[in-house]
């Protein structure tokens, strides 16, 4: 599991982690806005 390595290493998150987090946040915001506009 990568969580054990994540807890051990105190380094900053990699660029891939940042892309995944920002991508999921953008998708979530788009979904929320989509449902808000439809209602």
PDB file of N, CA and C in Angstrom:
ATOM      1  N   UNK A   1       0.847  -1.208   0.000  1.00  0.00           N
ATOM      2  CA  UNK A   1       0.000   0.000   0.000  1.00  0.00           C
ATOM      3  C   UNK A   1       0.880   1.255   0.000  1.00  0.00           C
ATOM      4  N   UNK A   2       0.555   2.230  -0.805  1.00  0.00           N
ATOM      5  CA  UNK A   2       1.384   3.443  -0.841  1.00  0.00           C
ATOM      6  C   UNK A   2       1.187   4.342   0.374  1.00  0.00           C
ATOM      7  N   UNK A   3       0.148   4.061   1.197  1.00  0.00           N
ATOM      8  CA  UNK A   3      -0.096   4.925   2.352  1.00  0.00           C
ATOM      9  C   UNK A   3       1.024   4.790   3.372  1.00  0.00           C
ATOM     10  N   UNK A   4       1.603   3.581   3.506  1.00  0.00           N
ATOM     11  CA  UNK A   4       2.696   3.403   4.465  1.00  0.00           C
ATOM     12  C   UNK A   4       3.899   4.241   4.058  1.00  0.00           C
ATOM     13  N   UNK A   5       4.211   4.260   2.767  1.00  0.00           N
ATOM     14  CA  UNK A   5       5.326   5.080   2.297  1.00  0.00           C
ATOM     15  C   UNK A   5       5.005   6.565   2.486  1.00  0.00           C
ATOM     16  N   UNK A   6       3.756   6.932   2.287  1.00  0.00           N
ATOM     17  CA  UNK A   6       3.359   8.334   2.421  1.00  0.00           C
ATOM     18  C   UNK A   6       3.520   8.805   3.865  1.00  0.00           C
ATOM     19  N   UNK A   7       3.180   7.934   4.832  1.00  0.00           N
ATOM     20  CA  UNK A   7       3.325   8.300   6.240  1.00  0.00           C
ATOM     21  C   UNK A   7       4.800   8.382   6.628  1.00  0.00           C
ATOM     22  N   UNK A   8       5.617   7.495   6.086  1.00  0.00           N
ATOM     23  CA  UNK A   8       7.039   7.495   6.439  1.00  0.00           C
ATOM     24  C   UNK A   8       7.747   8.714   5.864  1.00  0.00           C
ATOM     25  N   UNK A   9       7.496   9.024   4.608  1.00  0.00           N
ATOM     26  CA  UNK A   9       8.203  10.125   3.959  1.00  0.00           C
ATOM     27  C   UNK A   9       7.534  11.453   4.309  1.00  0.00           C
ATOM     28  N   UNK A  10       8.345  12.410   4.716  1.00  0.00           N
ATOM     29  CA  UNK A  10       7.816  13.729   5.074  1.00  0.00           C
ATOM     30  C   UNK A  10       8.064  14.716   3.939  1.00  0.00           C
ATOM     31  N   UNK A  11       8.350  14.190   2.743  1.00  0.00           N
ATOM     32  CA  UNK A  11       8.607  15.080   1.608  1.00  0.00           C
ATOM     33  C   UNK A  11       7.303  15.711   1.116  1.00  0.00           C
ATOM     34  N   UNK A  12       7.458  16.752   0.305  1.00  0.00           N
ATOM     35  CA  UNK A  12       6.280  17.381  -0.285  1.00  0.00           C
ATOM     36  C   UNK A  12       5.632  16.434  -1.282  1.00  0.00           C
ATOM     37  N   UNK A  13       4.332  16.582  -1.520  1.00  0.00           N
ATOM     38  CA  UNK A  13       3.662  15.727  -2.504  1.00  0.00           C
ATOM     39  C   UNK A  13       4.232  15.967  -3.893  1.00  0.00           C
ATOM     40  N   UNK A  14       4.289  14.905  -4.668  1.00  0.00           N
ATOM     41  CA  UNK A  14       4.855  15.007  -6.011  1.00  0.00           C
ATOM     42  C   UNK A  14       3.897  15.748  -6.932  1.00  0.00           C
ATOM     43  N   UNK A  15       4.386  16.065  -8.123  1.00  0.00           N
ATOM     44  CA  UNK A  15       3.548  16.791  -9.088  1.00  0.00           C
ATOM     45  C   UNK A  15       2.346  15.944  -9.488  1.00  0.00           C
ATOM     46  N   UNK A  16       2.541  14.619  -9.550  1.00  0.00           N
ATOM     47  CA  UNK A  16       1.431  13.742  -9.935  1.00  0.00           C
ATOM     48  C   UNK A  16       0.339  13.777  -8.868  1.00  0.00           C
ATOM     49  N   UNK A  17       0.748  13.784  -7.593  1.00  0.00           N
ATOM     50  CA  UNK A  17      -0.247  13.847  -6.521  1.00  0.00           C
ATOM     51  C   UNK A  17      -1.036  15.152  -6.604  1.00  0.00           C
ATOM     52  N   UNK A  18      -0.332  16.255  -6.886  1.00  0.00           N
ATOM     53  CA  UNK A  18      -1.010  17.549  -6.979  1.00  0.00           C
ATOM     54  C   UNK A  18      -1.993  17.549  -8.145  1.00  0.00           C
ATOM     55  N   UNK A  19      -1.586  16.950  -9.271  1.00  0.00           N
ATOM     56  CA  UNK A  19      -2.481  16.896 -10.434  1.00  0.00           C
ATOM     57  C   UNK A  19      -3.721  16.077 -10.115  1.00  0.00           C
ATOM     58  N   UNK A  20      -3.543  14.950  -9.404  1.00  0.00           N
ATOM     59  CA  UNK A  20      -4.689  14.097  -9.073  1.00  0.00           C
ATOM     60  C   UNK A  20      -5.638  14.844  -8.133  1.00  0.00           C
ATOM     61  N   UNK A  21      -5.082  15.527  -7.142  1.00  0.00           N
ATOM     62  CA  UNK A  21      -5.915  16.232  -6.166  1.00  0.00           C
ATOM     63  C   UNK A  21      -6.667  17.379  -6.837  1.00  0.00           C
ATOM     64  N   UNK A  22      -5.950  18.171  -7.634  1.00  0.00           N
ATOM     65  CA  UNK A  22      -6.609  19.306  -8.294  1.00  0.00           C
ATOM     66  C   UNK A  22      -7.629  18.818  -9.318  1.00  0.00           C
ATOM     67  N   UNK A  23      -7.303  17.737 -10.015  1.00  0.00           N
ATOM     68  CA  UNK A  23      -8.237  17.193 -10.999  1.00  0.00           C
ATOM     69  C   UNK A  23      -9.523  16.730 -10.337  1.00  0.00           C
ATOM     70  N   UNK A  24      -9.387  16.030  -9.200  1.00  0.00           N
ATOM     71  CA  UNK A  24     -10.585  15.546  -8.516  1.00  0.00           C
ATOM     72  C   UNK A  24     -11.390  16.714  -7.951  1.00  0.00           C
ATOM     73  N   UNK A  25     -10.697  17.747  -7.483  1.00  0.00           N
ATOM     74  CA  UNK A  25     -11.412  18.915  -6.962  1.00  0.00           C
ATOM     75  C   UNK A  25     -12.179  19.621  -8.071  1.00  0.00           C
ATOM     76  N   UNK A  26     -11.556  19.762  -9.232  1.00  0.00           N
ATOM     77  CA  UNK A  26     -12.224  20.430 -10.357  1.00  0.00           C
ATOM     78  C   UNK A  26     -13.438  19.623 -10.801  1.00  0.00           C
ATOM     79  N   UNK A  27     -13.290  18.299 -10.874  1.00  0.00           N
ATOM     80  CA  UNK A  27     -14.420  17.453 -11.276  1.00  0.00           C
ATOM     81  C   UNK A  27     -15.552  17.577 -10.260  1.00  0.00           C
ATOM     82  N   UNK A  28     -15.189  17.618  -8.974  1.00  0.00           N
ATOM     83  CA  UNK A  28     -16.201  17.761  -7.931  1.00  0.00           C
ATOM     84  C   UNK A  28     -16.926  19.096  -8.030  1.00  0.00           C
ATOM     85  N   UNK A  29     -16.163  20.159  -8.278  1.00  0.00           N
ATOM     86  CA  UNK A  29     -16.788  21.478  -8.400  1.00  0.00           C
ATOM     87  C   UNK A  29     -17.701  21.539  -9.615  1.00  0.00           C
ATOM     88  N   UNK A  30     -17.282  20.935 -10.719  1.00  0.00           N
ATOM     89  CA  UNK A  30     -18.116  20.931 -11.926  1.00  0.00           C
ATOM     90  C   UNK A  30     -19.403  20.149 -11.664  1.00  0.00           C
ATOM     91  N   UNK A  31     -19.285  19.027 -10.954  1.00  0.00           N
ATOM     92  CA  UNK A  31     -20.474  18.221 -10.657  1.00  0.00           C
ATOM     93  C   UNK A  31     -21.431  19.003  -9.760  1.00  0.00           C
ATOM     94  N   UNK A  32     -20.895  19.680  -8.747  1.00  0.00           N
ATOM     95  CA  UNK A  32     -21.748  20.453  -7.838  1.00  0.00           C
ATOM     96  C   UNK A  32     -22.431  21.592  -8.599  1.00  0.00           C
ATOM     97  N   UNK A  33     -21.672  22.295  -9.441  1.00  0.00           N
ATOM     98  CA  UNK A  33     -22.259  23.396 -10.211  1.00  0.00           C
ATOM     99  C   UNK A  33     -23.312  22.866 -11.185  1.00  0.00           C
ATOM    100  N   UNK A  34     -23.038  21.697 -11.769  1.00  0.00           N
ATOM    101  CA  UNK A  34     -23.981  21.123 -12.731  1.00  0.00           C
ATOM    102  C   UNK A  34     -25.316  20.805 -12.061  1.00  0.00           C
ATOM    103  N   UNK A  35     -25.248  20.156 -10.880  1.00  0.00           N
ATOM    104  CA  UNK A  35     -26.492  19.819 -10.184  1.00  0.00           C
ATOM    105  C   UNK A  35     -27.172  21.072  -9.638  1.00  0.00           C
ATOM    106  N   UNK A  36     -26.395  22.073  -9.253  1.00  0.00           N
ATOM    107  CA  UNK A  36     -26.988  23.306  -8.724  1.00  0.00           C
ATOM    108  C   UNK A  36     -27.726  24.055  -9.831  1.00  0.00           C
ATOM    109  N   UNK A  37     -27.168  24.059 -11.029  1.00  0.00           N
ATOM    110  CA  UNK A  37     -27.824  24.766 -12.134  1.00  0.00           C
ATOM    111  C   UNK A  37     -29.063  24.017 -12.612  1.00  0.00           C
ATOM    112  N   UNK A  38     -29.026  22.696 -12.535  1.00  0.00           N
ATOM    113  CA  UNK A  38     -30.172  21.911 -13.024  1.00  0.00           C
ATOM    114  C   UNK A  38     -31.366  22.033 -12.089  1.00  0.00           C
ATOM    115  N   UNK A  39     -31.099  22.123 -10.789  1.00  0.00           N
ATOM    116  CA  UNK A  39     -32.222  22.148  -9.839  1.00  0.00           C
ATOM    117  C   UNK A  39     -32.970  23.482  -9.904  1.00  0.00           C
TER     118      UNK A  39
END
